[in-house]
């Protein structure tokens, strides 16, 4: 009897959790695949490599990686898995989401020595997504490291990401991260890219309602709700830093190629072609972003997407740019706020290390330096000490 009630209690506790151990295992498996793909992609990012080829290869690697796991049906149902974010490779002052089609004027773009390259990829298993981005410089070595403004912006982005990781704790608020990222970027005379969002994630959702905004203008600040991080929440944190003066970015002449179905919007499409394309999107990508390249007929898809975008059924991931002669660096990590403490679902950067990036500026802010000296997850011993210290203070 006692045994049965213990089991029931543990089952009840498991039910009360927002994410189960099985979910965490799926997140971790997706994180491992993303890390393996990032290693392969970075190795291919050499002088003369065509960006379109790298994007196609990255998507293929993700599909291969997810195709090799969770293949046993559960109660007769197959586990859906695949891309959680199409491979995008954005160079220098391109902020993000650059993944051209063969028909695009910029399809011939190749990587050059010294390019600041942001790689953005994502995988999901059963809707549990891990998305990662990191920044490299083509051809940089320890003997010929990155210097100047390129080094400043990469250092600023990585330190800002490390600080954000440490502030992702239950009970903390989103604007604490907004402020800390801005302060960290300022140490290298850089600015976060205006209005960039990081979102809570749940199964089949990478753009949840709880959000963190970078470098908001007055309107964006007013429209962004203050939120408190809670236990068992998962977040995708996107740190984008510009070497420009104000972090402002604008749309130029690149054609959008990455889109996502907005599951909060309902609308009955009028055109037959629009309905056919929307049906294909639902079948191939589900709730996750997709590249037009993945659809059967690109021309038909472009036309069919127009009506869906116009009525908000599908949203575009627009390609934006900071001013010419500026650079943008990015690091994106996925983190789970578990009862035992924060758990990184993405791996550490593949490319970045201090020996490759040499800036003459350093972080001076004592509070932020103190934060960086702490480990991501406190040890049980340290937690106990902190509680004892609190108890003693109350007793006094």
Protein backbone atom coordinates (compact mmCIF):
# COMPACT_ATOMS: atom_id res chain seq x y z
CA UNK A 1 0.00 0.00 0.00
CA UNK A 2 2.72 2.42 1.05
CA UNK A 3 4.63 1.74 -2.15
CA UNK A 4 1.59 2.45 -4.32
CA UNK A 5 0.92 5.77 -2.59
CA UNK A 6 4.58 6.83 -3.03
CA UNK A 7 4.33 6.07 -6.74
CA UNK A 8 1.08 8.01 -6.97
CA UNK A 9 2.69 10.97 -5.21
CA UNK A 10 5.68 10.98 -7.55
CA UNK A 11 3.33 10.72 -10.55
CA UNK A 12 1.31 13.66 -9.24
CA UNK A 13 4.51 15.68 -8.79
CA UNK A 14 5.55 14.79 -12.34
CA UNK A 15 2.12 15.92 -13.64
CA UNK A 16 2.42 19.26 -11.88
CA UNK A 17 5.71 20.00 -13.67
CA UNK A 18 5.52 22.05 -16.85
CA UNK A 19 8.22 19.91 -18.47
CA UNK A 20 8.85 16.26 -17.73
CA UNK A 21 12.19 14.45 -17.63
CA UNK A 22 11.26 12.87 -20.98
CA UNK A 23 10.80 16.38 -22.45
CA UNK A 24 14.20 17.48 -21.11
CA UNK A 25 15.80 14.39 -22.71
CA UNK A 26 14.28 15.41 -26.08
CA UNK A 27 15.57 18.98 -25.66
CA UNK A 28 19.05 17.63 -24.85
CA UNK A 29 19.03 15.32 -27.90
CA UNK A 30 18.06 18.30 -30.11
CA UNK A 31 20.87 20.33 -28.48
CA UNK A 32 23.42 17.61 -29.28
CA UNK A 33 22.31 17.50 -32.93
CA UNK A 34 22.52 21.30 -33.22
CA UNK A 35 26.05 21.26 -31.76
CA UNK A 36 27.20 18.56 -34.21
CA UNK A 37 25.74 20.49 -37.15
CA UNK A 38 27.32 23.76 -35.98
CA UNK A 39 30.75 22.05 -35.95
CA UNK A 40 30.26 20.76 -39.50
CA UNK A 41 28.97 24.12 -40.78
CA UNK A 42 31.81 26.14 -39.23
CA UNK A 43 34.34 23.82 -40.87
CA UNK A 44 32.72 24.66 -44.23
CA UNK A 45 32.78 28.44 -43.65
CA UNK A 46 35.94 29.14 -45.64
CA UNK A 47 36.92 31.85 -48.08
CA UNK A 48 34.99 31.39 -51.35
CA UNK A 49 32.18 29.23 -49.89
CA UNK A 50 28.75 30.13 -51.33
CA UNK A 51 26.24 31.14 -48.65
CA UNK A 52 23.33 29.41 -50.40
CA UNK A 53 25.28 26.12 -50.46
CA UNK A 54 26.06 26.43 -46.73
CA UNK A 55 22.37 27.07 -45.92
CA UNK A 56 21.24 24.04 -47.96
CA UNK A 57 23.94 21.88 -46.35
CA UNK A 58 23.02 23.06 -42.83
CA UNK A 59 19.35 22.13 -43.33
CA UNK A 60 20.40 18.74 -44.73
CA UNK A 61 22.65 18.09 -41.70
CA UNK A 62 19.77 18.92 -39.30
CA UNK A 63 17.36 16.60 -41.14
CA UNK A 64 19.97 13.81 -41.11
CA UNK A 65 20.66 14.32 -37.40
CA UNK A 66 17.01 14.31 -36.34
CA UNK A 67 16.31 11.45 -38.74
CA UNK A 68 18.67 9.23 -36.76
CA UNK A 69 16.88 9.45 -33.39
CA UNK A 70 13.44 8.72 -31.87
CA UNK A 71 12.40 6.44 -34.72
CA UNK A 72 10.39 3.98 -32.65
CA UNK A 73 6.66 4.83 -32.76
CA UNK A 74 5.06 5.47 -29.36
CA UNK A 75 1.62 3.82 -29.13
CA UNK A 76 1.66 3.63 -32.92
CA UNK A 77 2.42 7.36 -33.34
CA UNK A 78 5.64 8.56 -35.04
CA UNK A 79 7.67 11.29 -33.34
CA UNK A 80 7.73 14.43 -35.48
CA UNK A 81 11.18 16.02 -35.69
CA UNK A 82 13.33 18.17 -37.95
CA UNK A 83 14.20 21.83 -38.48
CA UNK A 84 13.23 24.27 -35.73
CA UNK A 85 14.86 27.13 -37.60
CA UNK A 86 16.19 27.06 -41.18
CA UNK A 87 19.95 27.59 -41.53
CA UNK A 88 20.67 31.27 -42.04
CA UNK A 89 24.11 32.77 -42.58
CA UNK A 90 24.27 36.54 -42.18
CA UNK A 91 27.47 38.43 -42.94
CA UNK A 92 28.94 41.65 -41.49
CA UNK A 93 26.13 44.25 -41.14
CA UNK A 94 23.33 41.80 -42.05
CA UNK A 95 21.57 41.23 -38.71
CA UNK A 96 19.93 37.82 -39.27
CA UNK A 97 17.67 35.53 -41.38
CA UNK A 98 19.77 35.61 -44.59
CA UNK A 99 19.18 32.34 -46.46
CA UNK A 100 18.83 33.05 -50.20
CA UNK A 101 17.01 31.08 -52.90
CA UNK A 102 18.71 30.13 -56.17
CA UNK A 103 16.52 32.71 -57.96
CA UNK A 104 17.54 35.60 -55.67
CA UNK A 105 19.94 38.29 -56.95
CA UNK A 106 22.15 37.70 -53.87
CA UNK A 107 22.32 33.91 -54.38
CA UNK A 108 25.87 34.18 -55.72
CA UNK A 109 27.25 35.76 -52.52
CA UNK A 110 30.38 34.03 -51.20
CA UNK A 111 32.32 34.33 -47.94
CA UNK A 112 35.46 36.47 -47.99
CA UNK A 113 38.44 36.46 -45.62
CA UNK A 114 37.69 38.65 -42.60
CA UNK A 115 33.89 38.40 -42.93
CA UNK A 116 31.98 38.45 -39.62
CA UNK A 117 29.62 35.51 -40.10
CA UNK A 118 26.58 34.68 -37.96
CA UNK A 119 25.32 31.09 -38.21
CA UNK A 120 21.79 30.43 -36.97
CA UNK A 121 20.34 26.89 -36.81
CA UNK A 122 17.71 24.92 -34.90
CA UNK A 123 16.40 21.39 -34.44
CA UNK A 124 13.37 19.93 -32.68
CA UNK A 125 12.29 16.52 -31.48
CA UNK A 126 8.58 16.12 -30.84
CA UNK A 127 8.24 19.91 -30.91
CA UNK A 128 10.92 20.50 -28.23
CA UNK A 129 13.25 22.92 -30.00
CA UNK A 130 16.83 23.99 -29.44
CA UNK A 131 18.07 26.97 -31.43
CA UNK A 132 21.64 28.19 -31.51
CA UNK A 133 23.61 30.98 -33.15
CA UNK A 134 27.24 31.92 -33.00
CA UNK A 135 29.63 34.28 -34.74
CA UNK A 136 32.89 33.47 -36.49
CA UNK A 137 35.38 35.41 -38.60
CA UNK A 138 36.49 33.74 -41.83
CA UNK A 139 40.19 32.89 -41.86
CA UNK A 140 40.98 34.11 -38.32
CA UNK A 141 43.62 32.11 -36.41
CA UNK A 142 45.49 32.50 -33.13
CA UNK A 143 48.45 33.75 -35.20
CA UNK A 144 46.20 36.18 -37.11
CA UNK A 145 43.39 36.99 -34.63
CA UNK A 146 40.39 39.26 -35.06
CA UNK A 147 41.12 42.88 -33.99
CA UNK A 148 39.54 46.35 -34.13
CA UNK A 149 35.78 46.86 -34.28
CA UNK A 150 35.15 43.26 -35.36
CA UNK A 151 36.81 42.05 -32.17
CA UNK A 152 34.95 44.64 -30.08
CA UNK A 153 31.52 43.56 -31.32
CA UNK A 154 32.20 39.82 -30.93
CA UNK A 155 33.63 40.27 -27.41
CA UNK A 156 30.66 42.47 -26.49
CA UNK A 157 28.15 39.91 -27.80
CA UNK A 158 29.78 36.93 -26.06
CA UNK A 159 30.12 38.71 -22.70
CA UNK A 160 26.52 39.97 -22.99
CA UNK A 161 25.38 36.38 -23.68
CA UNK A 162 27.31 35.05 -20.67
CA UNK A 163 25.78 37.73 -18.44
CA UNK A 164 22.27 37.00 -19.79
CA UNK A 165 22.77 33.28 -19.03
CA UNK A 166 23.51 34.09 -15.40
CA UNK A 167 20.48 36.35 -15.09
CA UNK A 168 18.13 33.67 -16.43
CA UNK A 169 16.98 32.60 -12.99
CA UNK A 170 13.59 31.94 -11.46
CA UNK A 171 12.30 35.20 -9.92
CA UNK A 172 14.38 37.52 -12.12
CA UNK A 173 12.70 39.95 -14.55
CA UNK A 174 13.12 40.42 -18.29
CA UNK A 175 14.21 44.07 -18.12
CA UNK A 176 17.16 43.12 -15.86
CA UNK A 177 18.55 41.33 -18.93
CA UNK A 178 17.69 44.22 -21.27
CA UNK A 179 19.67 46.61 -19.04
CA UNK A 180 22.63 44.28 -18.36
CA UNK A 181 23.09 43.46 -22.07
CA UNK A 182 23.13 47.20 -22.91
CA UNK A 183 25.65 47.86 -20.14
CA UNK A 184 27.92 45.00 -21.27
CA UNK A 185 27.81 46.13 -24.91
CA UNK A 186 28.74 49.69 -23.88
CA UNK A 187 32.07 48.43 -22.47
CA UNK A 188 33.16 47.82 -26.07
CA UNK A 189 31.42 50.96 -27.43
CA UNK A 190 28.71 48.81 -29.00
CA UNK A 191 24.91 48.70 -28.85
CA UNK A 192 22.37 45.87 -28.85
CA UNK A 193 20.37 45.79 -32.10
CA UNK A 194 17.16 47.75 -31.50
CA UNK A 195 13.98 45.81 -30.74
CA UNK A 196 15.38 42.28 -31.05
CA UNK A 197 13.26 39.76 -29.11
CA UNK A 198 14.00 36.60 -27.11
CA UNK A 199 11.01 34.41 -26.28
CA UNK A 200 9.74 31.71 -24.01
CA UNK A 201 9.49 28.30 -25.65
CA UNK A 202 7.08 25.43 -25.11
CA UNK A 203 6.29 22.34 -27.18
CA UNK A 204 5.82 23.49 -30.81
CA UNK A 205 6.22 27.15 -29.79
CA UNK A 206 9.44 29.17 -30.15
CA UNK A 207 7.84 32.62 -29.90
CA UNK A 208 5.86 32.44 -26.65
CA UNK A 209 4.23 35.43 -24.95
CA UNK A 210 6.89 35.98 -22.26
CA UNK A 211 9.63 38.01 -23.94
CA UNK A 212 12.88 39.90 -23.44
CA UNK A 213 13.63 42.89 -25.67
CA UNK A 214 17.02 44.42 -26.52
CA UNK A 215 17.64 48.16 -26.85
CA UNK A 216 13.93 49.10 -27.10
CA UNK A 217 12.80 52.50 -28.34
CA UNK A 218 10.14 54.26 -26.25
CA UNK A 219 7.19 52.62 -28.04
CA UNK A 220 8.72 49.13 -27.85
CA UNK A 221 9.52 49.60 -24.16
CA UNK A 222 5.94 50.67 -23.43
CA UNK A 223 4.52 47.72 -25.39
CA UNK A 224 6.76 45.08 -23.76
CA UNK A 225 5.25 43.60 -20.64
CA UNK A 226 7.43 43.13 -17.55
CA UNK A 227 7.63 39.40 -16.86
CA UNK A 228 9.09 37.22 -14.12
CA UNK A 229 10.93 33.99 -15.01
CA UNK A 230 9.34 30.91 -13.45
CA UNK A 231 10.36 27.32 -12.78
CA UNK A 232 10.23 24.84 -15.68
CA UNK A 233 10.18 27.56 -18.33
CA UNK A 234 12.42 27.33 -21.40
CA UNK A 235 13.75 30.38 -23.25
CA UNK A 236 15.58 31.02 -26.49
CA UNK A 237 17.87 33.98 -25.83
CA UNK A 238 19.03 35.92 -28.89
CA UNK A 239 21.90 38.33 -28.23
CA UNK A 240 22.55 40.60 -31.23
CA UNK A 241 25.11 43.39 -30.85
CA UNK A 242 26.07 46.09 -33.37
CA UNK A 243 29.28 48.11 -33.62
CA UNK A 244 27.11 51.03 -34.79
CA UNK A 245 26.26 54.09 -32.69
CA UNK A 246 22.59 53.39 -31.99
CA UNK A 247 21.92 49.73 -32.87
CA UNK A 248 19.23 50.71 -35.39
CA UNK A 249 18.58 48.36 -38.32
CA UNK A 250 16.48 48.70 -41.47
CA UNK A 251 15.07 46.60 -44.29
CA UNK A 252 16.98 46.85 -47.59
CA UNK A 253 16.58 45.05 -50.89
CA UNK A 254 17.01 41.42 -49.78
CA UNK A 255 14.03 39.13 -50.42
CA UNK A 256 12.53 37.47 -47.35
CA UNK A 257 12.83 33.68 -47.57
CA UNK A 258 12.05 32.51 -44.01
CA UNK A 259 8.45 32.49 -42.79
CA UNK A 260 6.39 30.94 -39.99
CA UNK A 261 2.75 30.05 -39.51
CA UNK A 262 1.12 32.20 -36.80
CA UNK A 263 -1.04 29.75 -34.85
CA UNK A 264 -2.85 32.59 -33.01
CA UNK A 265 -4.45 33.87 -36.24
CA UNK A 266 -7.41 32.32 -38.07
CA UNK A 267 -8.47 33.38 -41.56
CA UNK A 268 -10.13 31.56 -44.45
CA UNK A 269 -7.85 31.98 -47.48
CA UNK A 270 -9.78 32.89 -50.64
CA UNK A 271 -7.39 31.79 -53.38
CA UNK A 272 -7.02 28.12 -54.28
CA UNK A 273 -3.23 28.43 -54.70
CA UNK A 274 -2.90 30.18 -51.30
CA UNK A 275 -4.81 27.33 -49.63
CA UNK A 276 -2.63 24.70 -51.35
CA UNK A 277 0.60 26.45 -50.26
CA UNK A 278 -0.68 26.94 -46.71
CA UNK A 279 -1.56 23.23 -46.54
CA UNK A 280 1.96 22.34 -47.72
CA UNK A 281 3.46 24.63 -45.06
CA UNK A 282 1.40 22.95 -42.33
CA UNK A 283 2.43 19.50 -43.54
CA UNK A 284 6.16 20.22 -43.95
CA UNK A 285 6.96 22.75 -41.20
CA UNK A 286 4.04 22.62 -38.75
CA UNK A 287 4.47 25.40 -36.20
CA UNK A 288 8.15 26.06 -37.00
CA UNK A 289 9.79 28.57 -39.34
CA UNK A 290 10.53 27.35 -42.87
CA UNK A 291 12.45 28.48 -45.93
CA UNK A 292 10.54 28.92 -49.20
CA UNK A 293 13.24 26.64 -50.63
CA UNK A 294 11.63 23.70 -48.77
CA UNK A 295 8.35 24.09 -50.68
CA UNK A 296 7.71 22.18 -53.89
CA UNK A 297 7.34 25.02 -56.37
CA UNK A 298 9.09 28.25 -55.45
CA UNK A 299 7.19 30.53 -57.85
CA UNK A 300 3.80 29.12 -56.81
CA UNK A 301 4.85 29.31 -53.14
CA UNK A 302 5.83 32.99 -53.43
CA UNK A 303 2.41 33.82 -54.89
CA UNK A 304 0.53 31.64 -52.40
CA UNK A 305 2.32 33.14 -49.41
CA UNK A 306 1.29 36.69 -50.35
CA UNK A 307 -2.34 36.32 -49.24
CA UNK A 308 -1.39 34.41 -46.08
CA UNK A 309 1.17 37.07 -45.08
CA UNK A 310 -1.26 39.90 -45.90
CA UNK A 311 -3.81 38.48 -43.44
CA UNK A 312 -1.28 37.55 -40.73
CA UNK A 313 -1.66 33.77 -41.11
CA UNK A 314 2.04 33.56 -41.92
CA UNK A 315 4.66 35.97 -40.63
CA UNK A 316 7.91 36.90 -42.39
CA UNK A 317 11.36 36.83 -40.79
CA UNK A 318 12.61 39.97 -42.47
CA UNK A 319 16.26 40.55 -43.31
CA UNK A 320 17.46 43.77 -41.72
CA UNK A 321 20.79 45.60 -41.88
CA UNK A 322 22.73 48.00 -39.69
CA UNK A 323 24.55 50.83 -41.55
CA UNK A 324 27.36 50.02 -43.99
CA UNK A 325 30.82 49.59 -42.37
CA UNK A 326 29.29 48.37 -39.10
CA UNK A 327 29.34 44.76 -37.89
CA UNK A 328 26.80 42.65 -36.03
CA UNK A 329 27.71 39.69 -33.81
CA UNK A 330 25.20 37.17 -32.46
CA UNK A 331 25.01 34.38 -29.92
CA UNK A 332 21.74 32.52 -29.37
CA UNK A 333 21.30 29.99 -26.59
CA UNK A 334 18.40 27.86 -25.33
CA UNK A 335 18.05 27.47 -21.56
CA UNK A 336 15.67 25.58 -19.24
CA UNK A 337 14.90 26.89 -15.74
CA UNK A 338 14.67 23.56 -13.90
CA UNK A 339 14.02 23.02 -10.17
CA UNK A 340 17.71 22.12 -9.68
CA UNK A 341 18.78 25.34 -11.43
CA UNK A 342 19.27 26.62 -15.00
CA UNK A 343 20.26 24.03 -17.60
CA UNK A 344 21.87 25.06 -20.88
CA UNK A 345 20.32 23.06 -23.72
CA UNK A 346 22.73 24.49 -26.28
CA UNK A 347 26.45 23.71 -26.07
CA UNK A 348 29.22 26.33 -25.59
CA UNK A 349 30.34 28.08 -28.81
CA UNK A 350 32.28 25.91 -31.23
CA UNK A 351 34.51 28.67 -32.62
CA UNK A 352 34.81 31.47 -30.06
CA UNK A 353 37.79 31.60 -27.72
CA UNK A 354 39.69 34.62 -26.35
CA UNK A 355 42.87 33.71 -28.30
CA UNK A 356 41.02 34.29 -31.60
CA UNK A 357 39.46 37.65 -30.68
CA UNK A 358 41.75 40.43 -29.42
CA UNK A 359 40.21 43.73 -28.32
CA UNK A 360 42.01 46.49 -26.44
CA UNK A 361 38.82 47.10 -24.42
CA UNK A 362 37.70 45.12 -21.38
CA UNK A 363 34.68 44.93 -19.11
CA UNK A 364 35.18 47.34 -16.19
CA UNK A 365 31.80 47.18 -14.45
CA UNK A 366 32.38 45.43 -11.08
CA UNK A 367 28.79 44.18 -10.78
CA UNK A 368 28.88 42.52 -14.21
CA UNK A 369 32.38 41.13 -13.58
CA UNK A 370 31.07 39.63 -10.33
CA UNK A 371 28.19 38.05 -12.22
CA UNK A 372 30.58 36.51 -14.76
CA UNK A 373 32.68 34.99 -11.98
CA UNK A 374 29.69 32.91 -10.81
CA UNK A 375 28.88 29.49 -12.22
CA UNK A 376 25.62 29.12 -14.13
CA UNK A 377 24.14 26.73 -11.60
CA UNK A 378 24.94 27.13 -7.90
CA UNK A 379 26.29 24.03 -6.16
CA UNK A 380 24.15 22.57 -3.36
CA UNK A 381 26.88 23.48 -0.87
CA UNK A 382 26.78 27.16 -1.91
CA UNK A 383 22.96 27.22 -1.77
CA UNK A 384 23.07 25.77 1.74
CA UNK A 385 25.64 28.38 2.83
CA UNK A 386 23.51 31.20 1.38
CA UNK A 387 20.41 29.90 3.22
CA UNK A 388 22.34 29.62 6.47
CA UNK A 389 23.63 33.18 6.03
CA UNK A 390 20.05 34.37 5.47
CA UNK A 391 18.90 32.49 8.59
CA UNK A 392 21.65 34.04 10.69
CA UNK A 393 20.81 37.51 9.41
CA UNK A 394 17.14 36.98 10.34
CA UNK A 395 18.13 35.74 13.81
CA UNK A 396 20.18 38.87 14.43
